[in-house]
């Protein structure tokens, strides 16, 4: 893969492609075509996702309308209550939430939602954007499935999101009451994983993952079409040496931005096959113009050292550590498959994500090509090892981190 091809893919996928949408399917078919071009057998594997169409979303503060977006899958109805601003959600702060609509500084995580429902909150307002930016964008938020599970007796709280500038006004003006009105149709839809395979000389596999969906405001060039391009680049380089000892299975994951839904669906649908998977290599954001290259290893510490050693061997600057990365490697590690995620992290001031500023303008095709070359080098060593050197045991420290990330334990 050369920089011209990288530029073409970035240009061709320069659109919003949220999980479960027609645009996501368009991108899936496009990536399938590229995989086949590189000699892989490729197919699209659908999975069910919860969808919603918002018909009405209104917010009134002290009787005056404020622009908002209703949370998908938070239910329908009307709630009008006293408004309280909760900068914290500790036990003392939660005492003020009973029978109130709360304005949060945070997003709606599993434990925040659980605590608010148990405290008797009547509704939730969050905010999005930056008070220093000219735009008044509001991301289309969703009450994710694992968050809805936190509610007692399946009760849903109406939730909406406003721009950060309006949130500041509410607090500055000491707003007293809020009214949320949401009407939406909730239904079961379909998202897709794209799977491409280059068989090896054994019946064991290395699975490589990267998501290709975006959030509602973003064209997702950096997060994470670059990761999808990375998979294609590795596929191109390693197909020349096929068959490698280990087979290579490339999964372009759908609906990652909605809670790792594509990788979770793959792990669930292919549970019986995971015993033949020796390693998961995940790519999530590479090729930014600036930023440091990192790896996060959800496996034994020896793999951290191994990656550090080969980076020194070839003169590739990077930072490696053990832990859990918030991406599609997590479901594999949780299922007992050793996993490692690679990324080039530029930071929000250089390459912001989940908003209108994540475009191809923050991506360097030349840096993307360099990142791919290192990743292909690492994958080639793994794919052609006599025995995959990574122990299949997930360390207790990583298991504990997984429990916290997946909301089985509080952080």
Protein backbone atom coordinates (compact mmCIF):
# COMPACT_ATOMS: atom_id res chain seq x y z
CA UNK A 1 0.00 0.00 0.00
CA UNK A 2 1.37 3.41 -0.98
CA UNK A 3 0.48 6.96 0.03
CA UNK A 4 -1.61 7.44 -3.12
CA UNK A 5 -3.85 4.54 -2.13
CA UNK A 6 -4.08 5.78 1.45
CA UNK A 7 -5.17 9.21 0.19
CA UNK A 8 -7.76 7.64 -2.10
CA UNK A 9 -9.33 5.64 0.74
CA UNK A 10 -9.46 8.73 2.97
CA UNK A 11 -11.14 10.67 0.15
CA UNK A 12 -13.59 7.90 -0.71
CA UNK A 13 -14.72 7.45 2.93
CA UNK A 14 -14.96 11.16 3.74
CA UNK A 15 -18.47 10.99 5.26
CA UNK A 16 -20.27 10.23 8.53
CA UNK A 17 -20.89 6.48 9.01
CA UNK A 18 -22.58 5.81 12.34
CA UNK A 19 -23.16 2.23 13.50
CA UNK A 20 -26.21 0.63 11.93
CA UNK A 21 -26.63 3.30 9.24
CA UNK A 22 -26.79 2.99 5.45
CA UNK A 23 -23.48 4.88 5.31
CA UNK A 24 -21.85 2.26 7.53
CA UNK A 25 -23.01 -0.43 5.08
CA UNK A 26 -21.62 1.61 2.18
CA UNK A 27 -18.23 1.76 3.91
CA UNK A 28 -18.39 -1.96 4.72
CA UNK A 29 -18.89 -2.86 1.08
CA UNK A 30 -16.08 -0.50 0.09
CA UNK A 31 -13.60 -2.07 2.53
CA UNK A 32 -14.65 -5.55 1.42
CA UNK A 33 -13.70 -4.59 -2.12
CA UNK A 34 -10.24 -3.45 -1.05
CA UNK A 35 -9.67 -6.65 0.93
CA UNK A 36 -10.55 -8.73 -2.14
CA UNK A 37 -8.18 -6.59 -4.20
CA UNK A 38 -5.39 -7.71 -1.87
CA UNK A 39 -6.26 -11.36 -2.38
CA UNK A 40 -8.24 -12.06 0.79
CA UNK A 41 -11.50 -13.92 0.98
CA UNK A 42 -13.89 -11.34 2.39
CA UNK A 43 -17.51 -11.22 3.52
CA UNK A 44 -19.86 -9.05 5.54
CA UNK A 45 -21.25 -10.50 8.78
CA UNK A 46 -24.28 -8.62 10.19
CA UNK A 47 -25.31 -8.42 13.83
CA UNK A 48 -28.29 -6.90 15.61
CA UNK A 49 -28.09 -3.45 17.23
CA UNK A 50 -30.64 -1.32 19.01
CA UNK A 51 -31.64 1.66 16.87
CA UNK A 52 -33.90 4.67 17.32
CA UNK A 53 -35.36 7.52 15.27
CA UNK A 54 -35.93 10.75 17.19
CA UNK A 55 -39.25 12.37 16.23
CA UNK A 56 -39.16 15.20 18.78
CA UNK A 57 -36.58 16.43 21.28
CA UNK A 58 -37.29 19.62 23.19
CA UNK A 59 -35.84 21.25 26.27
CA UNK A 60 -37.30 24.21 28.14
CA UNK A 61 -35.38 25.99 30.89
CA UNK A 62 -37.54 28.26 33.07
CA UNK A 63 -40.08 28.09 30.26
CA UNK A 64 -37.66 29.14 27.51
CA UNK A 65 -36.57 26.75 24.71
CA UNK A 66 -32.95 25.58 24.59
CA UNK A 67 -31.58 23.71 21.56
CA UNK A 68 -30.91 20.07 22.41
CA UNK A 69 -30.66 16.55 21.05
CA UNK A 70 -32.46 13.71 22.78
CA UNK A 71 -30.51 10.58 23.68
CA UNK A 72 -31.28 7.65 21.41
CA UNK A 73 -32.95 4.73 23.22
CA UNK A 74 -33.71 6.68 26.41
CA UNK A 75 -37.47 6.25 25.99
CA UNK A 76 -40.22 8.72 25.18
CA UNK A 77 -42.31 11.06 27.30
CA UNK A 78 -42.30 14.38 29.12
CA UNK A 79 -40.74 15.29 32.46
CA UNK A 80 -40.78 18.72 34.12
CA UNK A 81 -38.94 19.19 37.39
CA UNK A 82 -36.64 21.45 39.35
CA UNK A 83 -33.15 21.66 37.81
CA UNK A 84 -29.99 20.95 39.77
CA UNK A 85 -26.39 21.17 38.57
CA UNK A 86 -24.25 18.23 39.76
CA UNK A 87 -20.54 18.80 39.08
CA UNK A 88 -19.87 15.65 41.13
CA UNK A 89 -21.75 12.39 41.56
CA UNK A 90 -20.41 11.36 44.94
CA UNK A 91 -22.82 10.31 47.70
CA UNK A 92 -23.16 13.81 49.12
CA UNK A 93 -23.93 15.32 45.70
CA UNK A 94 -26.43 12.58 44.84
CA UNK A 95 -28.58 13.59 47.81
CA UNK A 96 -29.63 16.64 45.76
CA UNK A 97 -30.76 14.56 42.77
CA UNK A 98 -34.04 13.15 44.14
CA UNK A 99 -37.01 14.14 41.96
CA UNK A 100 -34.84 16.61 40.00
CA UNK A 101 -33.57 16.94 36.46
CA UNK A 102 -29.80 16.97 36.80
CA UNK A 103 -27.22 18.77 34.66
CA UNK A 104 -23.99 16.77 34.61
CA UNK A 105 -20.40 17.70 33.90
CA UNK A 106 -19.74 14.10 32.85
CA UNK A 107 -21.20 11.79 30.27
CA UNK A 108 -23.64 9.05 31.23
CA UNK A 109 -21.63 6.01 32.23
CA UNK A 110 -22.93 2.78 33.75
CA UNK A 111 -22.19 3.76 37.34
CA UNK A 112 -23.34 7.37 36.96
CA UNK A 113 -26.66 6.18 35.54
CA UNK A 114 -27.06 3.52 38.22
CA UNK A 115 -26.35 6.01 40.99
CA UNK A 116 -28.73 8.61 39.57
CA UNK A 117 -31.61 6.17 39.13
CA UNK A 118 -31.11 4.84 42.65
CA UNK A 119 -30.98 8.42 43.96
CA UNK A 120 -34.37 9.12 42.36
CA UNK A 121 -33.31 11.56 39.62
CA UNK A 122 -36.12 12.44 37.20
CA UNK A 123 -34.08 13.23 34.07
CA UNK A 124 -30.56 14.02 32.83
CA UNK A 125 -29.00 16.84 30.80
CA UNK A 126 -25.42 16.59 29.51
CA UNK A 127 -23.45 18.97 27.35
CA UNK A 128 -21.11 18.69 24.38
CA UNK A 129 -18.68 20.91 22.51
CA UNK A 130 -16.32 23.64 23.64
CA UNK A 131 -17.18 27.13 24.93
CA UNK A 132 -14.20 28.55 23.00
CA UNK A 133 -15.22 27.15 19.60
CA UNK A 134 -17.48 29.08 17.23
CA UNK A 135 -19.70 26.12 16.42
CA UNK A 136 -22.78 25.17 18.41
CA UNK A 137 -22.53 21.48 17.59
CA UNK A 138 -24.26 18.88 19.72
CA UNK A 139 -23.27 15.24 19.29
CA UNK A 140 -26.05 12.67 18.90
CA UNK A 141 -25.69 10.75 22.15
CA UNK A 142 -27.14 7.32 22.93
CA UNK A 143 -28.18 5.59 26.12
CA UNK A 144 -26.04 2.54 25.46
CA UNK A 145 -27.27 -0.96 26.19
CA UNK A 146 -24.88 -1.62 29.05
CA UNK A 147 -25.91 1.71 30.62
CA UNK A 148 -29.62 0.88 30.34
CA UNK A 149 -28.89 -2.34 32.21
CA UNK A 150 -27.87 -0.26 35.24
CA UNK A 151 -31.41 1.00 35.81
CA UNK A 152 -33.57 -0.73 38.40
CA UNK A 153 -36.56 -2.58 36.92
CA UNK A 154 -35.61 -1.40 33.43
CA UNK A 155 -36.74 2.15 34.21
CA UNK A 156 -35.38 4.73 31.76
CA UNK A 157 -34.63 8.37 32.47
CA UNK A 158 -35.26 10.90 29.71
CA UNK A 159 -31.89 12.34 28.67
CA UNK A 160 -30.86 15.16 26.37
CA UNK A 161 -27.63 16.92 25.39
CA UNK A 162 -26.99 20.64 24.86
CA UNK A 163 -24.02 22.71 23.71
CA UNK A 164 -21.44 23.67 26.34
CA UNK A 165 -22.16 27.40 25.83
CA UNK A 166 -25.78 26.88 26.84
CA UNK A 167 -24.76 24.76 29.82
CA UNK A 168 -22.64 27.63 31.13
CA UNK A 169 -25.59 30.02 30.72
CA UNK A 170 -27.87 27.73 32.74
CA UNK A 171 -25.49 27.64 35.67
CA UNK A 172 -24.52 31.32 35.42
CA UNK A 173 -28.18 32.39 35.36
CA UNK A 174 -29.11 30.04 38.23
CA UNK A 175 -31.80 28.28 36.19
CA UNK A 176 -34.61 26.84 38.32
CA UNK A 177 -36.72 24.43 36.25
CA UNK A 178 -36.31 22.13 33.26
CA UNK A 179 -38.75 20.34 30.98
CA UNK A 180 -37.62 17.54 28.67
CA UNK A 181 -39.87 16.28 25.86
CA UNK A 182 -38.74 13.31 23.77
CA UNK A 183 -40.60 11.23 21.22
CA UNK A 184 -38.74 8.45 19.43
CA UNK A 185 -39.23 5.10 17.72
CA UNK A 186 -36.94 2.39 19.08
CA UNK A 187 -36.33 -0.77 17.07
CA UNK A 188 -33.83 -3.51 16.31
CA UNK A 189 -31.54 -2.74 13.38
CA UNK A 190 -28.40 -4.16 11.82
CA UNK A 191 -24.71 -3.27 11.92
CA UNK A 192 -21.91 -5.15 10.19
CA UNK A 193 -18.43 -6.55 10.62
CA UNK A 194 -16.32 -7.03 7.51
CA UNK A 195 -14.20 -10.17 7.75
CA UNK A 196 -11.28 -10.98 5.46
CA UNK A 197 -9.02 -14.03 5.70
CA UNK A 198 -5.61 -15.12 4.49
CA UNK A 199 -5.26 -18.77 5.62
CA UNK A 200 -1.98 -19.99 7.08
CA UNK A 201 -0.22 -23.33 7.07
CA UNK A 202 -1.74 -24.22 10.48
CA UNK A 203 -5.33 -24.12 11.71
CA UNK A 204 -4.57 -21.33 14.21
CA UNK A 205 -5.15 -17.64 13.63
CA UNK A 206 -4.01 -14.17 14.48
CA UNK A 207 -7.02 -11.85 14.47
CA UNK A 208 -6.46 -8.21 13.51
CA UNK A 209 -9.16 -5.65 14.30
CA UNK A 210 -9.99 -2.00 13.62
CA UNK A 211 -13.33 -0.21 13.63
CA UNK A 212 -14.53 1.76 10.64
CA UNK A 213 -17.65 3.49 11.99
CA UNK A 214 -17.75 7.11 13.17
CA UNK A 215 -19.74 9.26 15.55
CA UNK A 216 -22.58 11.45 14.32
CA UNK A 217 -20.58 14.66 13.82
CA UNK A 218 -17.35 13.10 12.63
CA UNK A 219 -16.02 11.85 9.31
CA UNK A 220 -13.80 9.59 11.41
CA UNK A 221 -10.70 9.89 9.27
CA UNK A 222 -8.30 9.64 12.20
CA UNK A 223 -10.72 7.71 14.45
CA UNK A 224 -10.67 5.28 12.84
CA UNK A 225 -10.47 4.98 9.08
CA UNK A 226 -6.72 5.13 9.63
CA UNK A 227 -6.96 1.87 11.61
CA UNK A 228 -8.99 0.27 8.82
CA UNK A 229 -6.37 1.45 6.31
CA UNK A 230 -3.75 -0.07 8.60
CA UNK A 231 -5.43 -3.47 8.33
CA UNK A 232 -5.47 -3.20 4.55
CA UNK A 233 -1.80 -2.20 4.52
CA UNK A 234 -0.81 -5.18 6.68
CA UNK A 235 -2.96 -7.41 4.49
CA UNK A 236 -1.19 -6.13 1.39
CA UNK A 237 2.32 -6.65 2.82
CA UNK A 238 1.72 -10.07 4.38
CA UNK A 239 -0.26 -11.52 1.49
CA UNK A 240 2.99 -11.59 -0.48
CA UNK A 241 4.45 -14.16 1.94
CA UNK A 242 1.28 -16.26 2.25
CA UNK A 243 0.76 -18.82 3.44
CA UNK A 244 2.23 -17.60 6.70
CA UNK A 245 2.44 -20.10 9.54
CA UNK A 246 -0.59 -18.59 11.28
CA UNK A 247 -3.66 -17.58 9.36
CA UNK A 248 -4.55 -13.89 9.37
CA UNK A 249 -8.17 -12.89 9.98
CA UNK A 250 -8.91 -9.19 9.55
CA UNK A 251 -12.08 -7.84 11.20
CA UNK A 252 -13.25 -4.35 10.30
CA UNK A 253 -15.58 -3.78 13.25
CA UNK A 254 -18.88 -1.96 13.03
CA UNK A 255 -20.48 0.10 15.82
CA UNK A 256 -17.36 0.42 17.95
CA UNK A 257 -18.31 3.98 18.82
CA UNK A 258 -21.57 2.66 20.26
CA UNK A 259 -19.82 0.51 22.86
CA UNK A 260 -17.53 -1.95 21.03
CA UNK A 261 -20.64 -3.64 19.60
CA UNK A 262 -18.93 -5.15 16.56
CA UNK A 263 -16.10 -6.85 18.42
CA UNK A 264 -18.47 -7.96 21.18
CA UNK A 265 -20.78 -9.48 18.56
CA UNK A 266 -17.89 -11.26 16.83
CA UNK A 267 -16.62 -12.77 20.08
CA UNK A 268 -20.14 -13.93 20.98
CA UNK A 269 -20.90 -15.35 17.52
CA UNK A 270 -17.53 -17.13 17.23
CA UNK A 271 -17.05 -18.25 20.82
CA UNK A 272 -16.25 -21.84 19.82
CA UNK A 273 -13.49 -20.70 17.44
CA UNK A 274 -11.59 -18.47 19.87
CA UNK A 275 -9.50 -21.39 21.13
CA UNK A 276 -7.73 -21.33 17.78
CA UNK A 277 -6.92 -17.60 18.04
CA UNK A 278 -3.44 -17.06 19.47
CA UNK A 279 -3.37 -13.25 19.41
CA UNK A 280 -5.49 -10.17 18.69
CA UNK A 281 -3.79 -7.12 17.18
CA UNK A 282 -5.98 -4.01 17.25
CA UNK A 283 -5.43 -0.66 15.50
CA UNK A 284 -7.26 2.44 16.69
CA UNK A 285 -5.98 5.77 15.36
CA UNK A 286 -2.68 5.81 13.50
CA UNK A 287 -1.08 8.11 10.94
CA UNK A 288 -1.74 11.49 12.58
CA UNK A 289 0.54 14.33 11.51
CA UNK A 290 1.86 14.62 15.07
CA UNK A 291 1.63 12.40 18.13
CA UNK A 292 3.41 9.55 19.90
CA UNK A 293 3.13 5.91 18.92
CA UNK A 294 1.93 3.61 21.71
CA UNK A 295 0.97 0.02 22.40
CA UNK A 296 -1.26 -1.22 25.20
CA UNK A 297 -0.88 -4.91 25.98
CA UNK A 298 -3.77 -6.88 27.48
CA UNK A 299 -1.56 -9.92 27.95
CA UNK A 300 1.59 -10.97 29.77
CA UNK A 301 4.27 -8.41 30.60
CA UNK A 302 6.73 -10.26 28.36
CA UNK A 303 4.85 -9.00 25.30
CA UNK A 304 5.39 -5.41 26.50
CA UNK A 305 9.11 -6.14 26.69
CA UNK A 306 9.09 -7.90 23.32
CA UNK A 307 7.49 -4.90 21.60
CA UNK A 308 9.91 -2.54 23.33
CA UNK A 309 12.88 -4.67 22.23
CA UNK A 310 11.92 -4.82 18.56
CA UNK A 311 11.22 -1.07 18.50
CA UNK A 312 14.79 -0.52 19.71
CA UNK A 313 16.09 -3.11 17.25
CA UNK A 314 14.73 -1.24 14.24
CA UNK A 315 14.84 2.29 15.69
CA UNK A 316 11.08 2.81 15.99
CA UNK A 317 10.11 5.30 18.70
CA UNK A 318 7.20 4.14 20.84
CA UNK A 319 5.82 3.68 24.35
CA UNK A 320 4.56 0.26 25.48
CA UNK A 321 2.62 -0.63 28.63
CA UNK A 322 0.35 -3.31 30.04
CA UNK A 323 -3.32 -2.54 30.56
CA UNK A 324 -6.71 -2.22 28.87
CA UNK A 325 -7.27 0.02 25.85
CA UNK A 326 -10.73 1.42 25.17
CA UNK A 327 -11.17 -0.29 21.82
CA UNK A 328 -11.98 -3.57 20.08
CA UNK A 329 -9.11 -5.44 21.73
CA UNK A 330 -11.06 -5.47 25.00
CA UNK A 331 -13.73 -8.11 24.17
CA UNK A 332 -11.00 -10.45 22.90
CA UNK A 333 -8.92 -10.06 26.06
CA UNK A 334 -12.03 -10.58 28.16
CA UNK A 335 -12.64 -13.84 26.29
CA UNK A 336 -9.12 -15.04 27.13
CA UNK A 337 -7.36 -14.08 23.88
CA UNK A 338 -4.07 -12.19 24.40
CA UNK A 339 -4.48 -8.76 22.81
CA UNK A 340 -2.48 -5.66 21.98
CA UNK A 341 -3.68 -2.30 20.67
CA UNK A 342 -1.50 0.09 18.69
CA UNK A 343 -2.19 3.79 18.19
CA UNK A 344 -0.55 7.12 17.38
CA UNK A 345 -2.00 9.50 19.95
CA UNK A 346 -1.96 13.16 18.97
CA UNK A 347 -4.22 14.67 21.64
CA UNK A 348 -7.35 16.77 21.28
CA UNK A 349 -5.58 19.99 20.33
CA UNK A 350 -3.83 18.33 17.38
CA UNK A 351 -6.24 15.64 16.19
CA UNK A 352 -9.60 15.90 17.97
CA UNK A 353 -12.05 13.02 17.75
CA UNK A 354 -15.82 12.56 17.97
CA UNK A 355 -16.53 15.97 16.43
CA UNK A 356 -16.47 17.86 13.14
CA UNK A 357 -12.71 18.37 13.36
CA UNK A 358 -11.81 14.70 12.84
CA UNK A 359 -11.19 14.88 9.10
CA UNK A 360 -8.54 13.76 6.63
CA UNK A 361 -6.78 17.10 7.26
CA UNK A 362 -5.28 15.74 10.51
CA UNK A 363 -3.91 12.58 8.83
CA UNK A 364 -0.53 12.26 7.12
CA UNK A 365 -0.54 9.53 4.45
CA UNK A 366 3.26 9.34 4.74
CA UNK A 367 3.09 8.83 8.53
CA UNK A 368 0.29 6.33 8.03
CA UNK A 369 2.52 4.38 5.64
CA UNK A 370 5.40 4.42 8.14
CA UNK A 371 3.08 3.20 10.92
CA UNK A 372 1.82 0.40 8.66
CA UNK A 373 5.36 -0.70 7.88
CA UNK A 374 6.16 -1.11 11.58
CA UNK A 375 2.86 -2.91 12.25
CA UNK A 376 3.44 -5.25 9.30
CA UNK A 377 6.92 -6.00 10.64
CA UNK A 378 5.50 -6.92 14.06
CA UNK A 379 2.67 -8.98 12.56
CA UNK A 380 5.05 -10.79 10.23
CA UNK A 381 7.17 -11.88 13.21
CA UNK A 382 4.07 -13.13 15.01
CA UNK A 383 2.50 -14.78 11.96
CA UNK A 384 5.66 -16.69 11.08
CA UNK A 385 6.84 -17.68 14.54
CA UNK A 386 7.29 -21.43 15.01
CA UNK A 387 5.18 -21.12 18.14
CA UNK A 388 3.41 -17.86 18.97
CA UNK A 389 5.55 -16.57 21.85
CA UNK A 390 2.65 -14.93 23.71
CA UNK A 391 1.29 -16.87 26.67
CA UNK A 392 -2.46 -17.43 26.41
CA UNK A 393 -2.98 -16.64 30.11
CA UNK A 394 -4.48 -13.20 30.88
CA UNK A 395 -2.71 -11.76 33.96
CA UNK A 396 -4.75 -11.03 37.10
CA UNK A 397 -3.91 -7.32 36.90
CA UNK A 398 -5.37 -7.14 33.40
CA UNK A 399 -8.44 -9.14 34.48
CA UNK A 400 -9.05 -6.61 37.24
CA UNK A 401 -8.75 -3.75 34.75
CA UNK A 402 -11.21 -5.54 32.46
CA UNK A 403 -13.69 -5.92 35.33
CA UNK A 404 -13.56 -2.18 35.92
CA UNK A 405 -13.72 -1.24 32.24
CA UNK A 406 -16.68 -3.56 31.66
CA UNK A 407 -18.51 -2.27 34.75
CA UNK A 408 -18.32 -5.46 36.77
CA UNK A 409 -16.46 -3.50 39.43
CA UNK A 410 -16.31 0.19 40.28
CA UNK A 411 -13.15 2.05 39.38
